Amino acid sequence: MEQSVQIITVSTQDLDAARGFYVDGLGWQPLLDVPGEILFFQVAHGVALGLFDAVKFAEDLNTTDVTGPAGLTLSHNLPGPDEVDRLLAAAERAGAEILKPGQRAAFGGYHGHFRDPIGLIWEIAHNSGWAVDPDGTVRIGLIEA
């Protein structure tokens, strides 16, 4: 199997809350919005995030057991600490719960966490050791002091 991910799909009990948070609150533009079923956003080059109504998600999988992994976070890296603080504040205004305000991180950068209205946890970070080459290759190096 090729080491690749194009779509990350997350089940949600409240698709309308997800739409309100991401579209109305944060201003994201949907790739596809099927009310009562699924909402897709492009989140990176060639990568989409799907938020799927829990009932429809279970039907699509032909199962009633849709439990998934615990401890999942989605991370967004920004150019600096000020941008981290601004995005955390915007997320809170849009209805997110701040789990960890912006602060110096153990890895040497700066970060904070929020939980969106459907339960997804986001890390908003500035990590100077993170870089993406023009061809999409990720480089993770040492953090600036």
Protein backbone atom coordinates (compact mmCIF):
# COMPACT_ATOMS: atom_id res chain seq x y z
CA MET A 1 0.00 0.00 0.00
CA GLU A 2 1.29 3.46 -0.90
CA GLN A 3 2.10 5.69 2.08
CA SER A 4 -0.52 8.34 1.37
CA VAL A 5 -3.72 9.95 2.71
CA GLN A 6 -6.05 12.06 0.57
CA ILE A 7 -9.21 12.17 2.73
CA ILE A 8 -9.61 12.21 6.49
CA THR A 9 -13.22 11.46 7.42
CA VAL A 10 -14.60 12.05 10.89
CA SER A 11 -18.02 11.00 12.14
CA THR A 12 -20.08 13.67 13.89
CA GLN A 13 -23.29 13.56 15.88
CA ASP A 14 -24.05 17.17 14.85
CA LEU A 15 -23.24 18.06 11.26
CA ASP A 16 -25.07 21.39 11.58
CA ALA A 17 -22.82 22.40 14.49
CA ALA A 18 -19.78 21.47 12.40
CA ARG A 19 -21.05 23.60 9.50
CA GLY A 20 -21.76 26.51 11.83
CA PHE A 21 -18.29 26.36 13.34
CA TYR A 22 -16.18 25.86 10.21
CA VAL A 23 -18.20 27.73 7.59
CA ASP A 24 -19.92 30.48 9.57
CA GLY A 25 -17.44 30.80 12.44
CA LEU A 26 -14.06 30.31 10.76
CA GLY A 27 -15.00 31.18 7.18
CA TRP A 28 -13.92 27.88 5.59
CA GLN A 29 -15.21 27.18 2.08
CA PRO A 30 -16.75 23.72 1.57
CA LEU A 31 -15.66 21.57 -1.37
CA LEU A 32 -18.97 19.73 -1.09
CA ASP A 33 -21.85 20.20 1.31
CA VAL A 34 -24.60 17.57 1.35
CA PRO A 35 -26.95 18.69 4.16
CA GLY A 36 -27.78 15.87 6.56
CA GLU A 37 -24.95 13.73 5.23
CA ILE A 38 -21.40 15.06 4.73
CA LEU A 39 -19.33 18.21 4.50
CA PHE A 40 -15.90 18.27 2.79
CA PHE A 41 -13.15 20.91 3.08
CA GLN A 42 -9.81 21.03 1.32
CA VAL A 43 -7.26 21.26 4.15
CA ALA A 44 -3.96 20.87 2.28
CA HIS A 45 -2.56 20.22 -1.17
CA GLY A 46 -4.54 17.20 -2.35
CA VAL A 47 -6.03 16.53 1.12
CA ALA A 48 -9.66 16.86 2.19
CA LEU A 49 -11.34 16.66 5.58
CA GLY A 50 -14.80 15.08 5.55
CA LEU A 51 -17.26 15.58 8.41
CA PHE A 52 -19.84 12.81 8.07
CA ASP A 53 -23.17 12.59 9.89
CA ALA A 54 -22.79 9.70 12.38
CA VAL A 55 -25.89 7.80 11.22
CA LYS A 56 -24.95 8.12 7.55
CA PHE A 57 -21.34 7.22 8.42
CA ALA A 58 -22.45 3.96 10.05
CA GLU A 59 -24.73 3.19 7.09
CA ASP A 60 -21.88 3.80 4.67
CA LEU A 61 -19.67 1.37 6.60
CA ASN A 62 -22.51 -1.17 6.85
CA THR A 63 -22.00 -1.44 10.60
CA THR A 64 -23.26 -0.06 13.89
CA ASP A 65 -19.78 -0.09 15.45
CA VAL A 66 -18.21 3.21 14.44
CA THR A 67 -15.97 3.66 17.44
CA GLY A 68 -12.59 4.98 16.47
CA PRO A 69 -9.20 5.82 17.87
CA ALA A 70 -8.88 8.01 20.94
CA GLY A 71 -6.27 10.70 21.34
CA LEU A 72 -6.58 12.12 17.82
CA THR A 73 -5.58 15.71 17.09
CA LEU A 74 -5.45 17.66 13.86
CA SER A 75 -2.58 20.15 13.77
CA HIS A 76 -2.13 23.44 11.97
CA ASN A 77 1.34 25.02 11.85
CA LEU A 78 1.63 28.81 11.54
CA PRO A 79 4.51 31.26 10.94
CA GLY A 80 4.68 32.60 14.51
CA PRO A 81 3.23 32.75 18.04
CA ASP A 82 1.09 35.82 17.29
CA GLU A 83 -0.70 33.92 14.51
CA VAL A 84 -1.26 31.02 16.92
CA ASP A 85 -2.88 33.33 19.47
CA ARG A 86 -5.05 35.00 16.80
CA LEU A 87 -6.33 31.68 15.48
CA LEU A 88 -7.05 30.35 18.98
CA ALA A 89 -9.05 33.53 19.71
CA ALA A 90 -10.96 33.20 16.42
CA ALA A 91 -11.77 29.57 17.17
CA GLU A 92 -13.04 30.52 20.64
CA ARG A 93 -15.25 33.28 19.17
CA ALA A 94 -16.62 30.70 16.72
CA GLY A 95 -17.60 28.37 19.57
CA ALA A 96 -14.51 26.27 20.32
CA GLU A 97 -13.44 25.33 23.82
CA ILE A 98 -9.85 26.36 24.52
CA LEU A 99 -8.14 23.37 26.12
CA LYS A 100 -4.68 24.94 26.32
CA PRO A 101 -4.01 28.64 25.68
CA GLY A 102 -1.04 29.55 23.51
CA GLN A 103 2.23 28.85 25.31
CA ARG A 104 5.78 27.64 24.85
CA ALA A 105 5.69 23.96 23.95
CA ALA A 106 7.79 21.11 25.29
CA PHE A 107 9.10 20.60 21.73
CA GLY A 108 10.50 24.15 21.78
CA GLY A 109 7.91 25.91 19.65
CA TYR A 110 4.66 27.61 20.65
CA HIS A 111 1.21 26.04 20.65
CA GLY A 112 -2.28 25.78 22.07
CA HIS A 113 -5.25 23.42 21.68
CA PHE A 114 -8.98 23.78 21.16
CA ARG A 115 -11.91 21.40 20.90
CA ASP A 116 -14.43 22.27 18.17
CA PRO A 117 -18.20 21.93 18.74
CA ILE A 118 -18.23 18.34 17.41
CA GLY A 119 -15.35 17.20 19.62
CA LEU A 120 -12.34 17.39 17.26
CA ILE A 121 -9.20 18.58 19.00
CA TRP A 122 -6.93 20.93 17.08
CA GLU A 123 -3.35 21.84 17.90
CA ILE A 124 -2.49 25.31 16.63
CA ALA A 125 1.29 25.61 16.58
CA HIS A 126 4.37 27.48 15.52
CA ASN A 127 7.14 24.95 14.97
CA SER A 128 10.18 26.46 13.30
CA GLY A 129 11.55 22.96 12.68
CA TRP A 130 8.60 22.10 10.39
CA ALA A 131 8.96 22.82 6.68
CA VAL A 132 7.29 21.71 3.49
CA ASP A 133 9.32 21.70 0.28
CA PRO A 134 7.74 22.87 -2.99
CA ASP A 135 7.24 19.23 -4.01
CA GLY A 136 5.26 18.60 -0.80
CA THR A 137 7.99 16.75 1.10
CA VAL A 138 7.76 17.40 4.85
CA ARG A 139 10.93 18.12 6.77
CA ILE A 140 10.99 17.98 10.57
CA GLY A 141 14.15 19.32 12.12
CA LEU A 142 15.47 20.88 15.27
CA ILE A 143 13.60 23.80 16.78
CA GLU A 144 15.17 27.24 16.94
CA ALA A 145 16.14 28.26 20.46
